[in-house]
Every structure is written in C-alpha cells, then in structure tokens.
Amino acid sequence: MDTDETTINSSETGNSAEEILKKSEERFRSYIENAPDGIFIADENGNYVDVNPAAEKITGYSRQELLGMNLKQLLPEEAVQGSVERFRKVVATGNASGDSLFKRKDGTIGFWTIKAVKLSPNRFLGFVNDITQRRAMEQELLKAKETAERYLNLAGSIILSLDTNANITLINKKGLSILEYSREELIGKNWFDVCLPLSVRDRVKKVFASIVSGALESLDYYENEVVTKSGRIRLIFWYNTILRNSDNEIEFVLSSGEDITDRRKTEMELSKYQEHLEELVEDRTAELEQKNAELQRYNNLFIGREFRIKELRDRVKELEEKLDLTQ
C-alpha cells in the first residue's frame, strides 16, 4: 500500500514538474515571439538556429531563410570584422554590445544596436533594435548643426548663447577670436565669472537676472565691457533676444555682439580733436576781434586826424583871406 502510494505521488510530482517546465518554455516562446526587438539565437559558429517575427520584419527574410544563414550574411563588408570580433567577445566573456550596419534582403543598408548574451557553450542570444531612422535623424541634425555652425563662424560679430544660469552653451569663431579662448575653455563656463571684468560684473548680472526672471521683458540693445584671456578690455555692443521652450519658459538668451572698442576710441579722439578745433577757432576769433578793434581805433584816429587837418586848412585859408583884405 505504501509502495503504491509512493509510486503514485512520484508520478504526480513528475507530471507536475513536466507541466511547469512546459509552461515555462511556452512563456519564454511567447516572450520571444512577441518581443518588439529582433531576437536571434546562434550556435558557436554564428549560424542562426532560431529567430522571432521581429527579426524577420527587420531583415526582410523569412524565418526559414534566416535559419539557413550565418550572421556574416546579414552584414555589409565593412561591418563584418567588427561584428565577428563582437561575437568572439560574447563567446569568451558571456556578453557584448554595440552598434553595427546590417544588410536587408532587398540590399538596403540599415543600422541596429546589438546586445548579446551567452546561453550555453553552443547557444548565444542576440537582441537587436533597428535604429536606422533614429540614426538618420541624428545624422540630419548633425548636418544641420554643422551647417549652422559654419554660418555662425562666417558671421562678423560675436554669436553667444547663455542658459538661464549664464553658462555658455554656444559661441562662434569670432567670439573665440575676440576673447582669445578656445571653444573647450568656454563651453559650460559661467559667462560673468570668466569674461566680464569685476568693474561691470555685478551690474550686468543684475540686468541678466531681470531678463531670465521675466521682470524685464526684453533688452534688445546693451553695451558692456568684456575681458579677454590676456586681460585686455574690449567694449561690446549687444543685440539680444530670448529663446523660449514649448512651455513658453525662458531657456536661452541669444546675443549678437559687435566689438566697438576701436570705433569708440576713434569717436573719442575725434571728439577731442573737434573740441580742440573749437578752442582754436574761439581763440582765433577772439584774436581777430581784438585786431579788428585795434584797426577800428586806428581808423577812428585817422579819420579824426584828417578831419582836424581839414579844419586847420579851412582856418588858415580864412586867415589868409582876411590878411588880403587888410592890405
């Protein structure tokens, strides 16, 4: 009786374990089949022994076609060496990851990211995510950024972008040239602490704080001194604009700056020269007025003398006439 019960219990336990294993395998298969990422299972030689529907969709090959292929057959020539080295790494260490080009059935080239793990000495599982579109967008953004930077570097004025903490997020070639810094020395640094002299720092900080807090809606034009890496002081005239995010929050202050140091110096020199000329004119005018007064005095004296001589002549003539009468 006991023996029979033991046999029955053992049989029931065995069936239960088999059922648990079967259900576990079914769940695993369900995960594989419904996973959004492509899943490839390969042997130690890189031959595919299992794939999921996402892998078919990504590559354009059917399951039957993929199960007769080696991982190298999904790679363009330039990606083979890197992928083989990655496979060797997962064989040796148990895991590997990276990005790689891949080749679809129609011959087009895509880009995917790979994460691979070692299941057993002769089974290796790889998760792949097709990032072709994302990669293309990144490339387009990079090209757009490079194009924008070329335009910025062609600008004849400083182009400067500050975040709301006054950290430098962008500066063009002209700005670097004027300030005598490299891009690496300025990006991420605080504009006020690095590029403004102490004499104007607090004043400009207050203006900037008013802008980013919204207390001052805009300040299109502003003028302040900056200090270069070598300690030279330059005077910059700024054109400013505010950049907001989708929530209408101030995100950056974008400024275009013109170095007016030499122009202001020239203006001051011309102003001083004008003042000097005006002083000379005033002095010359006073001198001329003095000379003219002297001439007028001499003229008056001359006219008075002539008038006196005429009077004397008339008197002499009158006396002569009287003498003639008495004789």
C-alpha atoms as a PDB file:
ATOM      1  CA  MET A   1       0.000   0.000   0.000  1.00  0.00           C
ATOM      2  CA  ASP A   2       2.739   2.439   0.952  1.00  0.00           C
ATOM      3  CA  THR A   3       4.737   1.468  -2.095  1.00  0.00           C
ATOM      4  CA  ASP A   4       1.799   2.103  -4.384  1.00  0.00           C
ATOM      5  CA  GLU A   5       1.133   5.490  -2.767  1.00  0.00           C
ATOM      6  CA  THR A   6       4.788   6.453  -3.153  1.00  0.00           C
ATOM      7  CA  THR A   7       4.698   5.450  -6.803  1.00  0.00           C
ATOM      8  CA  ILE A   8       1.538   7.455  -7.397  1.00  0.00           C
ATOM      9  CA  ASN A   9       2.936  10.537  -5.595  1.00  0.00           C
ATOM     10  CA  SER A  10       6.191  10.297  -7.544  1.00  0.00           C
ATOM     11  CA  SER A  11       4.270  10.041 -10.793  1.00  0.00           C
ATOM     12  CA  GLU A  12       2.148  13.036  -9.905  1.00  0.00           C
ATOM     13  CA  THR A  13       5.241  15.058  -8.971  1.00  0.00           C
ATOM     14  CA  GLY A  14       6.940  14.159 -12.241  1.00  0.00           C
ATOM     15  CA  ASN A  15       3.915  15.193 -14.259  1.00  0.00           C
ATOM     16  CA  SER A  16       3.735  18.453 -12.319  1.00  0.00           C
ATOM     17  CA  ALA A  17       7.415  19.235 -12.991  1.00  0.00           C
ATOM     18  CA  GLU A  18       6.961  18.473 -16.667  1.00  0.00           C
ATOM     19  CA  GLU A  19       3.954  20.740 -16.807  1.00  0.00           C
ATOM     20  CA  ILE A  20       5.827  23.545 -15.054  1.00  0.00           C
ATOM     21  CA  LEU A  21       8.731  23.162 -17.465  1.00  0.00           C
ATOM     22  CA  LYS A  22       6.370  23.090 -20.421  1.00  0.00           C
ATOM     23  CA  LYS A  23       4.570  26.217 -19.245  1.00  0.00           C
ATOM     24  CA  SER A  24       7.889  27.943 -18.656  1.00  0.00           C
ATOM     25  CA  GLU A  25       9.018  27.105 -22.183  1.00  0.00           C
ATOM     26  CA  GLU A  26       5.703  28.310 -23.558  1.00  0.00           C
ATOM     27  CA  ARG A  27       6.052  31.605 -21.708  1.00  0.00           C
ATOM     28  CA  PHE A  28       9.617  32.002 -22.965  1.00  0.00           C
ATOM     29  CA  ARG A  29       8.475  31.253 -26.507  1.00  0.00           C
ATOM     30  CA  SER A  30       5.650  33.772 -26.119  1.00  0.00           C
ATOM     31  CA  TYR A  31       8.137  36.431 -24.975  1.00  0.00           C
ATOM     32  CA  ILE A  32      10.368  35.660 -27.947  1.00  0.00           C
ATOM     33  CA  GLU A  33       7.543  35.682 -30.466  1.00  0.00           C
ATOM     34  CA  ASN A  34       6.011  38.929 -29.215  1.00  0.00           C
ATOM     35  CA  ALA A  35       9.167  40.845 -28.370  1.00  0.00           C
ATOM     36  CA  PRO A  36       9.407  44.206 -30.193  1.00  0.00           C
ATOM     37  CA  ASP A  37      13.139  43.732 -30.672  1.00  0.00           C
ATOM     38  CA  GLY A  38      14.605  41.287 -33.140  1.00  0.00           C
ATOM     39  CA  ILE A  39      15.877  38.157 -31.401  1.00  0.00           C
ATOM     40  CA  PHE A  40      18.474  35.892 -32.983  1.00  0.00           C
ATOM     41  CA  ILE A  41      19.767  32.667 -31.429  1.00  0.00           C
ATOM     42  CA  ALA A  42      23.002  31.366 -32.974  1.00  0.00           C
ATOM     43  CA  ASP A  43      25.319  28.430 -32.407  1.00  0.00           C
ATOM     44  CA  GLU A  44      29.024  28.686 -31.665  1.00  0.00           C
ATOM     45  CA  ASN A  45      29.758  29.173 -35.397  1.00  0.00           C
ATOM     46  CA  GLY A  46      27.353  32.084 -35.787  1.00  0.00           C
ATOM     47  CA  ASN A  47      24.694  30.065 -37.619  1.00  0.00           C
ATOM     48  CA  TYR A  48      21.146  31.041 -36.747  1.00  0.00           C
ATOM     49  CA  VAL A  49      19.114  28.300 -35.048  1.00  0.00           C
ATOM     50  CA  ASP A  50      16.118  30.404 -34.042  1.00  0.00           C
ATOM     51  CA  VAL A  51      14.667  33.855 -34.737  1.00  0.00           C
ATOM     52  CA  ASN A  52      11.488  35.725 -33.850  1.00  0.00           C
ATOM     53  CA  PRO A  53       8.991  37.568 -36.098  1.00  0.00           C
ATOM     54  CA  ALA A  54      10.587  40.935 -35.309  1.00  0.00           C
ATOM     55  CA  ALA A  55      13.881  39.626 -36.736  1.00  0.00           C
ATOM     56  CA  GLU A  56      12.028  38.683 -39.930  1.00  0.00           C
ATOM     57  CA  LYS A  57      10.465  42.142 -40.139  1.00  0.00           C
ATOM     58  CA  ILE A  58      13.768  43.935 -39.568  1.00  0.00           C
ATOM     59  CA  THR A  59      15.777  41.938 -42.118  1.00  0.00           C
ATOM     60  CA  GLY A  60      13.080  41.212 -44.695  1.00  0.00           C
ATOM     61  CA  TYR A  61      13.952  37.496 -44.630  1.00  0.00           C
ATOM     62  CA  SER A  62      11.526  34.757 -43.623  1.00  0.00           C
ATOM     63  CA  ARG A  63      12.203  32.525 -40.637  1.00  0.00           C
ATOM     64  CA  GLN A  64      13.056  29.619 -42.950  1.00  0.00           C
ATOM     65  CA  GLU A  65      15.558  31.762 -44.851  1.00  0.00           C
ATOM     66  CA  LEU A  66      17.238  33.068 -41.700  1.00  0.00           C
ATOM     67  CA  LEU A  67      17.627  29.591 -40.187  1.00  0.00           C
ATOM     68  CA  GLY A  68      19.845  28.689 -43.108  1.00  0.00           C
ATOM     69  CA  MET A  69      22.091  31.748 -42.743  1.00  0.00           C
ATOM     70  CA  ASN A  70      25.192  32.803 -40.848  1.00  0.00           C
ATOM     71  CA  LEU A  71      25.407  36.150 -39.078  1.00  0.00           C
ATOM     72  CA  LYS A  72      28.006  37.338 -41.630  1.00  0.00           C
ATOM     73  CA  GLN A  73      25.394  37.112 -44.383  1.00  0.00           C
ATOM     74  CA  LEU A  74      23.391  39.932 -42.793  1.00  0.00           C
ATOM     75  CA  LEU A  75      26.356  42.285 -42.772  1.00  0.00           C
ATOM     76  CA  PRO A  76      27.828  44.596 -45.397  1.00  0.00           C
ATOM     77  CA  GLU A  77      31.534  44.017 -45.975  1.00  0.00           C
ATOM     78  CA  GLU A  78      32.625  46.995 -43.893  1.00  0.00           C
ATOM     79  CA  ALA A  79      30.735  45.713 -40.817  1.00  0.00           C
ATOM     80  CA  VAL A  80      31.913  42.067 -40.867  1.00  0.00           C
ATOM     81  CA  GLN A  81      35.144  42.462 -38.897  1.00  0.00           C
ATOM     82  CA  GLY A  82      33.577  44.452 -36.056  1.00  0.00           C
ATOM     83  CA  SER A  83      30.652  42.045 -35.728  1.00  0.00           C
ATOM     84  CA  VAL A  84      32.905  38.968 -35.773  1.00  0.00           C
ATOM     85  CA  GLU A  85      35.013  40.487 -33.004  1.00  0.00           C
ATOM     86  CA  ARG A  86      31.843  41.218 -31.024  1.00  0.00           C
ATOM     87  CA  PHE A  87      30.703  37.594 -31.439  1.00  0.00           C
ATOM     88  CA  ARG A  88      34.104  36.336 -30.275  1.00  0.00           C
ATOM     89  CA  LYS A  89      33.781  38.563 -27.222  1.00  0.00           C
ATOM     90  CA  VAL A  90      30.398  37.146 -26.248  1.00  0.00           C
ATOM     91  CA  VAL A  91      31.774  33.617 -26.690  1.00  0.00           C
ATOM     92  CA  ALA A  92      34.737  34.444 -24.449  1.00  0.00           C
ATOM     93  CA  THR A  93      33.148  36.698 -21.816  1.00  0.00           C
ATOM     94  CA  GLY A  94      29.438  35.916 -21.917  1.00  0.00           C
ATOM     95  CA  ASN A  95      28.146  39.261 -23.191  1.00  0.00           C
ATOM     96  CA  ALA A  96      28.811  42.015 -25.700  1.00  0.00           C
ATOM     97  CA  SER A  97      27.020  45.033 -27.147  1.00  0.00           C
ATOM     98  CA  GLY A  98      27.452  47.687 -29.787  1.00  0.00           C
ATOM     99  CA  ASP A  99      26.075  49.312 -32.922  1.00  0.00           C
ATOM    100  CA  SER A 100      26.530  47.988 -36.444  1.00  0.00           C
ATOM    101  CA  LEU A 101      25.399  48.294 -40.030  1.00  0.00           C
ATOM    102  CA  PHE A 102      23.265  45.425 -41.377  1.00  0.00           C
ATOM    103  CA  LYS A 103      22.031  44.418 -44.807  1.00  0.00           C
ATOM    104  CA  ARG A 104      18.374  43.710 -45.557  1.00  0.00           C
ATOM    105  CA  LYS A 105      17.103  41.179 -48.073  1.00  0.00           C
ATOM    106  CA  ASP A 106      16.376  43.958 -50.602  1.00  0.00           C
ATOM    107  CA  GLY A 107      20.001  45.109 -50.384  1.00  0.00           C
ATOM    108  CA  THR A 108      19.350  48.293 -48.449  1.00  0.00           C
ATOM    109  CA  ILE A 109      21.612  49.100 -45.518  1.00  0.00           C
ATOM    110  CA  GLY A 110      20.273  49.706 -42.038  1.00  0.00           C
ATOM    111  CA  PHE A 111      21.719  50.391 -38.638  1.00  0.00           C
ATOM    112  CA  TRP A 112      20.998  48.406 -35.499  1.00  0.00           C
ATOM    113  CA  THR A 113      22.141  48.184 -31.923  1.00  0.00           C
ATOM    114  CA  ILE A 114      23.021  44.745 -30.573  1.00  0.00           C
ATOM    115  CA  LYS A 115      23.065  43.215 -27.084  1.00  0.00           C
ATOM    116  CA  ALA A 116      24.230  39.603 -26.966  1.00  0.00           C
ATOM    117  CA  VAL A 117      24.499  37.069 -24.123  1.00  0.00           C
ATOM    118  CA  LYS A 118      25.789  33.526 -23.814  1.00  0.00           C
ATOM    119  CA  LEU A 119      23.081  30.960 -23.025  1.00  0.00           C
ATOM    120  CA  SER A 120      25.304  27.892 -23.157  1.00  0.00           C
ATOM    121  CA  PRO A 121      28.599  26.883 -24.746  1.00  0.00           C
ATOM    122  CA  ASN A 122      26.855  26.484 -28.106  1.00  0.00           C
ATOM    123  CA  ARG A 123      23.896  28.899 -27.861  1.00  0.00           C
ATOM    124  CA  PHE A 124      24.071  32.681 -27.987  1.00  0.00           C
ATOM    125  CA  LEU A 125      21.134  35.071 -27.860  1.00  0.00           C
ATOM    126  CA  GLY A 126      21.198  38.472 -29.501  1.00  0.00           C
ATOM    127  CA  PHE A 127      18.682  41.316 -29.119  1.00  0.00           C
ATOM    128  CA  VAL A 128      18.735  43.808 -31.990  1.00  0.00           C
ATOM    129  CA  ASN A 129      16.918  47.127 -32.284  1.00  0.00           C
ATOM    130  CA  ASP A 130      16.611  48.763 -35.691  1.00  0.00           C
ATOM    131  CA  ILE A 131      17.752  52.359 -35.157  1.00  0.00           C
ATOM    132  CA  THR A 132      18.081  53.265 -38.839  1.00  0.00           C
ATOM    133  CA  GLN A 133      15.530  56.102 -38.689  1.00  0.00           C
ATOM    134  CA  ARG A 134      16.907  57.442 -35.433  1.00  0.00           C
ATOM    135  CA  ARG A 135      20.420  57.294 -36.846  1.00  0.00           C
ATOM    136  CA  ALA A 136      19.287  59.105 -39.991  1.00  0.00           C
ATOM    137  CA  MET A 137      17.640  61.804 -37.893  1.00  0.00           C
ATOM    138  CA  GLU A 138      20.791  62.135 -35.805  1.00  0.00           C
ATOM    139  CA  GLN A 139      22.847  62.493 -38.974  1.00  0.00           C
ATOM    140  CA  GLU A 140      20.452  65.129 -40.310  1.00  0.00           C
ATOM    141  CA  LEU A 141      20.581  67.007 -37.029  1.00  0.00           C
ATOM    142  CA  LEU A 142      24.365  66.783 -37.053  1.00  0.00           C
ATOM    143  CA  LYS A 143      24.497  68.130 -40.603  1.00  0.00           C
ATOM    144  CA  ALA A 144      22.093  70.918 -39.688  1.00  0.00           C
ATOM    145  CA  LYS A 145      24.210  71.748 -36.643  1.00  0.00           C
ATOM    146  CA  GLU A 146      27.400  71.759 -38.717  1.00  0.00           C
ATOM    147  CA  THR A 147      25.742  73.977 -41.330  1.00  0.00           C
ATOM    148  CA  ALA A 148      24.505  76.361 -38.646  1.00  0.00           C
ATOM    149  CA  GLU A 149      27.971  76.465 -37.090  1.00  0.00           C
ATOM    150  CA  ARG A 150      29.511  77.273 -40.481  1.00  0.00           C
ATOM    151  CA  TYR A 151      27.098  80.176 -40.878  1.00  0.00           C
ATOM    152  CA  LEU A 152      27.784  81.330 -37.331  1.00  0.00           C
ATOM    153  CA  ASN A 153      31.519  81.173 -37.932  1.00  0.00           C
ATOM    154  CA  LEU A 154      31.123  83.273 -41.070  1.00  0.00           C
ATOM    155  CA  ALA A 155      29.395  85.993 -39.058  1.00  0.00           C
ATOM    156  CA  GLY A 156      31.434  89.107 -38.488  1.00  0.00           C
ATOM    157  CA  SER A 157      30.128  89.544 -34.962  1.00  0.00           C
ATOM    158  CA  ILE A 158      30.127  87.518 -31.752  1.00  0.00           C
ATOM    159  CA  ILE A 159      27.286  84.972 -31.532  1.00  0.00           C
ATOM    160  CA  LEU A 160      26.745  83.931 -27.918  1.00  0.00           C
ATOM    161  CA  SER A 161      24.116  81.755 -26.223  1.00  0.00           C
ATOM    162  CA  LEU A 162      23.687  81.592 -22.440  1.00  0.00           C
ATOM    163  CA  ASP A 163      21.355  79.367 -20.438  1.00  0.00           C
ATOM    164  CA  THR A 164      19.361  80.793 -17.546  1.00  0.00           C
ATOM    165  CA  ASN A 165      22.338  80.306 -15.217  1.00  0.00           C
ATOM    166  CA  ALA A 166      24.527  82.354 -17.573  1.00  0.00           C
ATOM    167  CA  ASN A 167      26.525  79.298 -18.609  1.00  0.00           C
ATOM    168  CA  ILE A 168      27.905  79.451 -22.150  1.00  0.00           C
ATOM    169  CA  THR A 169      26.140  76.962 -24.445  1.00  0.00           C
ATOM    170  CA  LEU A 170      27.332  78.344 -27.782  1.00  0.00           C
ATOM    171  CA  ILE A 171      29.930  80.781 -29.056  1.00  0.00           C
ATOM    172  CA  ASN A 172      31.167  81.236 -32.592  1.00  0.00           C
ATOM    173  CA  LYS A 173      34.636  81.601 -34.062  1.00  0.00           C
ATOM    174  CA  LYS A 174      34.535  85.410 -33.994  1.00  0.00           C
ATOM    175  CA  GLY A 175      33.717  85.391 -30.285  1.00  0.00           C
ATOM    176  CA  LEU A 176      36.551  82.987 -29.546  1.00  0.00           C
ATOM    177  CA  SER A 177      38.942  85.180 -31.535  1.00  0.00           C
ATOM    178  CA  ILE A 178      37.986  88.366 -29.695  1.00  0.00           C
ATOM    179  CA  LEU A 179      38.048  86.729 -26.261  1.00  0.00           C
ATOM    180  CA  GLU A 180      41.263  84.758 -27.053  1.00  0.00           C
ATOM    181  CA  TYR A 181      39.865  81.431 -25.780  1.00  0.00           C
ATOM    182  CA  SER A 182      39.320  78.010 -27.331  1.00  0.00           C
ATOM    183  CA  ARG A 183      35.821  76.553 -27.514  1.00  0.00           C
ATOM    184  CA  GLU A 184      36.703  73.922 -24.892  1.00  0.00           C
ATOM    185  CA  GLU A 185      37.791  76.640 -22.469  1.00  0.00           C
ATOM    186  CA  LEU A 186      34.430  78.432 -22.621  1.00  0.00           C
ATOM    187  CA  ILE A 187      31.582  75.976 -23.278  1.00  0.00           C
ATOM    188  CA  GLY A 188      29.830  75.222 -19.985  1.00  0.00           C
ATOM    189  CA  LYS A 189      31.641  78.022 -18.134  1.00  0.00           C
ATOM    190  CA  ASN A 190      29.867  80.937 -16.464  1.00  0.00           C
ATOM    191  CA  TRP A 191      29.965  83.985 -18.753  1.00  0.00           C
ATOM    192  CA  PHE A 192      30.132  86.543 -15.963  1.00  0.00           C
ATOM    193  CA  ASP A 193      32.862  84.805 -13.990  1.00  0.00           C
ATOM    194  CA  VAL A 194      35.133  84.219 -16.985  1.00  0.00           C
ATOM    195  CA  CYS A 195      34.532  87.005 -19.477  1.00  0.00           C
ATOM    196  CA  LEU A 196      33.425  90.127 -17.588  1.00  0.00           C
ATOM    197  CA  PRO A 197      35.724  92.456 -15.655  1.00  0.00           C
ATOM    198  CA  LEU A 198      34.930  92.983 -11.982  1.00  0.00           C
ATOM    199  CA  SER A 199      34.092  96.634 -12.621  1.00  0.00           C
ATOM    200  CA  VAL A 200      30.905  95.751 -14.564  1.00  0.00           C
ATOM    201  CA  ARG A 201      30.154  92.188 -13.379  1.00  0.00           C
ATOM    202  CA  ASP A 202      27.554  92.944 -10.705  1.00  0.00           C
ATOM    203  CA  ARG A 203      25.727  95.490 -12.851  1.00  0.00           C
ATOM    204  CA  VAL A 204      25.412  93.158 -15.847  1.00  0.00           C
ATOM    205  CA  LYS A 205      24.447  90.211 -13.603  1.00  0.00           C
ATOM    206  CA  LYS A 206      21.509  92.208 -12.262  1.00  0.00           C
ATOM    207  CA  VAL A 207      20.332  93.040 -15.775  1.00  0.00           C
ATOM    208  CA  PHE A 208      20.622  89.386 -16.859  1.00  0.00           C
ATOM    209  CA  ALA A 209      18.764  88.172 -13.757  1.00  0.00           C
ATOM    210  CA  SER A 210      15.940  90.603 -14.516  1.00  0.00           C
ATOM    211  CA  ILE A 211      15.659  89.213 -18.049  1.00  0.00           C
ATOM    212  CA  VAL A 212      15.596  85.493 -17.162  1.00  0.00           C
ATOM    213  CA  SER A 213      13.199  86.066 -14.249  1.00  0.00           C
ATOM    214  CA  GLY A 214      10.760  87.855 -16.528  1.00  0.00           C
ATOM    215  CA  ALA A 215      10.964  91.107 -14.578  1.00  0.00           C
ATOM    216  CA  LEU A 216      12.464  92.755 -17.651  1.00  0.00           C
ATOM    217  CA  GLU A 217      10.642  91.606 -20.777  1.00  0.00           C
ATOM    218  CA  SER A 218      13.456  92.368 -23.179  1.00  0.00           C
ATOM    219  CA  LEU A 219      16.642  94.319 -23.585  1.00  0.00           C
ATOM    220  CA  ASP A 220      17.304  94.471 -27.293  1.00  0.00           C
ATOM    221  CA  TYR A 221      20.432  96.584 -27.043  1.00  0.00           C
ATOM    222  CA  TYR A 222      23.065  96.714 -24.355  1.00  0.00           C
ATOM    223  CA  GLU A 223      26.672  97.791 -24.084  1.00  0.00           C
ATOM    224  CA  ASN A 224      29.294  96.499 -21.669  1.00  0.00           C
ATOM    225  CA  GLU A 225      32.966  95.690 -21.380  1.00  0.00           C
ATOM    226  CA  VAL A 226      34.428  92.178 -21.566  1.00  0.00           C
ATOM    227  CA  VAL A 227      37.852  90.956 -20.545  1.00  0.00           C
ATOM    228  CA  THR A 228      39.943  88.713 -22.805  1.00  0.00           C
ATOM    229  CA  LYS A 229      42.088  85.798 -21.715  1.00  0.00           C
ATOM    230  CA  SER A 230      45.165  88.043 -21.817  1.00  0.00           C
ATOM    231  CA  GLY A 231      43.439  90.692 -19.681  1.00  0.00           C
ATOM    232  CA  ARG A 232      42.623  93.209 -22.408  1.00  0.00           C
ATOM    233  CA  ILE A 233      39.361  95.138 -22.051  1.00  0.00           C
ATOM    234  CA  ARG A 234      37.054  95.277 -25.079  1.00  0.00           C
ATOM    235  CA  LEU A 235      33.772  97.179 -25.401  1.00  0.00           C
ATOM    236  CA  ILE A 236      30.909  95.155 -26.936  1.00  0.00           C
ATOM    237  CA  PHE A 237      27.567  96.392 -28.227  1.00  0.00           C
ATOM    238  CA  TRP A 238      24.975  93.588 -27.876  1.00  0.00           C
ATOM    239  CA  TYR A 239      21.780  92.768 -29.746  1.00  0.00           C
ATOM    240  CA  ASN A 240      19.792  90.377 -27.525  1.00  0.00           C
ATOM    241  CA  THR A 241      16.846  88.026 -27.968  1.00  0.00           C
ATOM    242  CA  ILE A 242      15.142  85.492 -25.698  1.00  0.00           C
ATOM    243  CA  LEU A 243      14.548  81.848 -26.716  1.00  0.00           C
ATOM    244  CA  ARG A 244      11.665  80.005 -25.046  1.00  0.00           C
ATOM    245  CA  ASN A 245      10.755  76.312 -24.879  1.00  0.00           C
ATOM    246  CA  SER A 246       7.393  74.718 -25.743  1.00  0.00           C
ATOM    247  CA  ASP A 247       6.081  75.699 -22.285  1.00  0.00           C
ATOM    248  CA  ASN A 248       6.924  79.348 -23.000  1.00  0.00           C
ATOM    249  CA  GLU A 249       9.662  79.279 -20.368  1.00  0.00           C
ATOM    250  CA  ILE A 250      12.846  81.221 -20.982  1.00  0.00           C
ATOM    251  CA  GLU A 251      15.548  78.722 -21.912  1.00  0.00           C
ATOM    252  CA  PHE A 252      18.352  80.721 -23.516  1.00  0.00           C
ATOM    253  CA  VAL A 253      19.461  84.287 -24.135  1.00  0.00           C
ATOM    254  CA  LEU A 254      20.940  84.609 -27.617  1.00  0.00           C
ATOM    255  CA  SER A 255      23.145  87.616 -28.298  1.00  0.00           C
ATOM    256  CA  SER A 256      24.979  89.088 -31.237  1.00  0.00           C
ATOM    257  CA  GLY A 257      27.876  91.295 -30.161  1.00  0.00           C
ATOM    258  CA  GLU A 258      29.845  93.899 -32.091  1.00  0.00           C
ATOM    259  CA  ASP A 259      33.285  94.921 -30.866  1.00  0.00           C
ATOM    260  CA  ILE A 260      33.112  98.728 -30.834  1.00  0.00           C
ATOM    261  CA  THR A 261      36.316  99.292 -28.867  1.00  0.00           C
ATOM    262  CA  ASP A 262      38.274 100.821 -31.746  1.00  0.00           C
ATOM    263  CA  ARG A 263      35.256 102.729 -33.054  1.00  0.00           C
ATOM    264  CA  ARG A 264      34.556 104.227 -29.635  1.00  0.00           C
ATOM    265  CA  LYS A 265      38.244 105.139 -29.276  1.00  0.00           C
ATOM    266  CA  THR A 266      38.146 106.837 -32.673  1.00  0.00           C
ATOM    267  CA  GLU A 267      34.945 108.666 -31.739  1.00  0.00           C
ATOM    268  CA  MET A 268      36.544 109.920 -28.535  1.00  0.00           C
ATOM    269  CA  GLU A 269      39.669 111.039 -30.395  1.00  0.00           C
ATOM    270  CA  LEU A 270      37.543 112.828 -32.996  1.00  0.00           C
ATOM    271  CA  SER A 271      35.511 114.431 -30.227  1.00  0.00           C
ATOM    272  CA  LYS A 272      38.666 115.654 -28.526  1.00  0.00           C
ATOM    273  CA  TYR A 273      40.020 116.927 -31.846  1.00  0.00           C
ATOM    274  CA  GLN A 274      36.745 118.716 -32.517  1.00  0.00           C
ATOM    275  CA  GLU A 275      36.904 120.320 -29.086  1.00  0.00           C
ATOM    276  CA  HIS A 276      40.493 121.349 -29.808  1.00  0.00           C
ATOM    277  CA  LEU A 277      39.473 122.862 -33.124  1.00  0.00           C
ATOM    278  CA  GLU A 278      36.618 124.713 -31.479  1.00  0.00           C
ATOM    279  CA  GLU A 279      39.039 126.088 -28.892  1.00  0.00           C
ATOM    280  CA  LEU A 280      41.394 127.164 -31.668  1.00  0.00           C
ATOM    281  CA  VAL A 281      38.528 128.829 -33.512  1.00  0.00           C
ATOM    282  CA  GLU A 282      37.436 130.592 -30.354  1.00  0.00           C
ATOM    283  CA  ASP A 283      40.986 131.743 -29.674  1.00  0.00           C
ATOM    284  CA  ARG A 284      41.437 132.890 -33.293  1.00  0.00           C
ATOM    285  CA  THR A 285      38.076 134.626 -33.246  1.00  0.00           C
ATOM    286  CA  ALA A 286      38.991 136.483 -30.074  1.00  0.00           C
ATOM    287  CA  GLU A 287      42.342 137.419 -31.603  1.00  0.00           C
ATOM    288  CA  LEU A 288      40.665 138.630 -34.775  1.00  0.00           C
ATOM    289  CA  GLU A 289      38.125 140.601 -32.786  1.00  0.00           C
ATOM    290  CA  GLN A 290      40.968 142.212 -30.851  1.00  0.00           C
ATOM    291  CA  LYS A 291      42.843 143.077 -34.055  1.00  0.00           C
ATOM    292  CA  ASN A 292      39.673 144.396 -35.590  1.00  0.00           C
ATOM    293  CA  ALA A 293      39.074 146.611 -32.545  1.00  0.00           C
ATOM    294  CA  GLU A 294      42.612 147.955 -32.823  1.00  0.00           C
ATOM    295  CA  LEU A 295      42.143 148.626 -36.524  1.00  0.00           C
ATOM    296  CA  GLN A 296      38.904 150.362 -35.810  1.00  0.00           C
ATOM    297  CA  ARG A 297      40.590 152.523 -33.193  1.00  0.00           C
ATOM    298  CA  TYR A 298      43.382 153.402 -35.615  1.00  0.00           C
ATOM    299  CA  ASN A 299      40.825 154.109 -38.295  1.00  0.00           C
ATOM    300  CA  ASN A 300      38.902 156.340 -35.977  1.00  0.00           C
ATOM    301  CA  LEU A 301      42.110 158.130 -35.056  1.00  0.00           C
ATOM    302  CA  PHE A 302      42.996 158.506 -38.719  1.00  0.00           C
ATOM    303  CA  ILE A 303      39.558 159.842 -39.617  1.00  0.00           C
ATOM    304  CA  GLY A 304      39.727 162.281 -36.662  1.00  0.00           C
ATOM    305  CA  ARG A 305      43.133 163.477 -37.761  1.00  0.00           C
ATOM    306  CA  GLU A 306      42.007 164.031 -41.320  1.00  0.00           C
ATOM    307  CA  PHE A 307      39.023 165.959 -40.053  1.00  0.00           C
ATOM    308  CA  ARG A 308      41.274 168.076 -37.816  1.00  0.00           C
ATOM    309  CA  ILE A 309      43.660 168.796 -40.710  1.00  0.00           C
ATOM    310  CA  LYS A 310      40.749 169.925 -42.854  1.00  0.00           C
ATOM    311  CA  GLU A 311      39.577 172.247 -40.090  1.00  0.00           C
ATOM    312  CA  LEU A 312      43.104 173.697 -39.801  1.00  0.00           C
ATOM    313  CA  ARG A 313      43.310 174.199 -43.551  1.00  0.00           C
ATOM    314  CA  ASP A 314      39.986 175.942 -43.593  1.00  0.00           C
ATOM    315  CA  ARG A 315      41.086 178.206 -40.726  1.00  0.00           C
ATOM    316  CA  VAL A 316      44.389 179.014 -42.476  1.00  0.00           C
ATOM    317  CA  LYS A 317      42.522 179.861 -45.651  1.00  0.00           C
ATOM    318  CA  GLU A 318      40.153 182.099 -43.714  1.00  0.00           C
ATOM    319  CA  LEU A 319      43.043 183.963 -42.100  1.00  0.00           C
ATOM    320  CA  GLU A 320      44.837 184.362 -45.401  1.00  0.00           C
ATOM    321  CA  GLU A 321      41.717 185.882 -46.897  1.00  0.00           C
ATOM    322  CA  LYS A 322      41.476 188.355 -44.019  1.00  0.00           C
ATOM    323  CA  LEU A 323      45.121 189.394 -44.493  1.00  0.00           C
ATOM    324  CA  ASP A 324      44.496 190.088 -48.143  1.00  0.00           C
ATOM    325  CA  LEU A 325      41.596 192.361 -47.256  1.00  0.00           C
ATOM    326  CA  THR A 326      43.618 194.437 -44.794  1.00  0.00           C
ATOM    327  CA  GLN A 327      46.354 195.079 -47.244  1.00  0.00           C
END
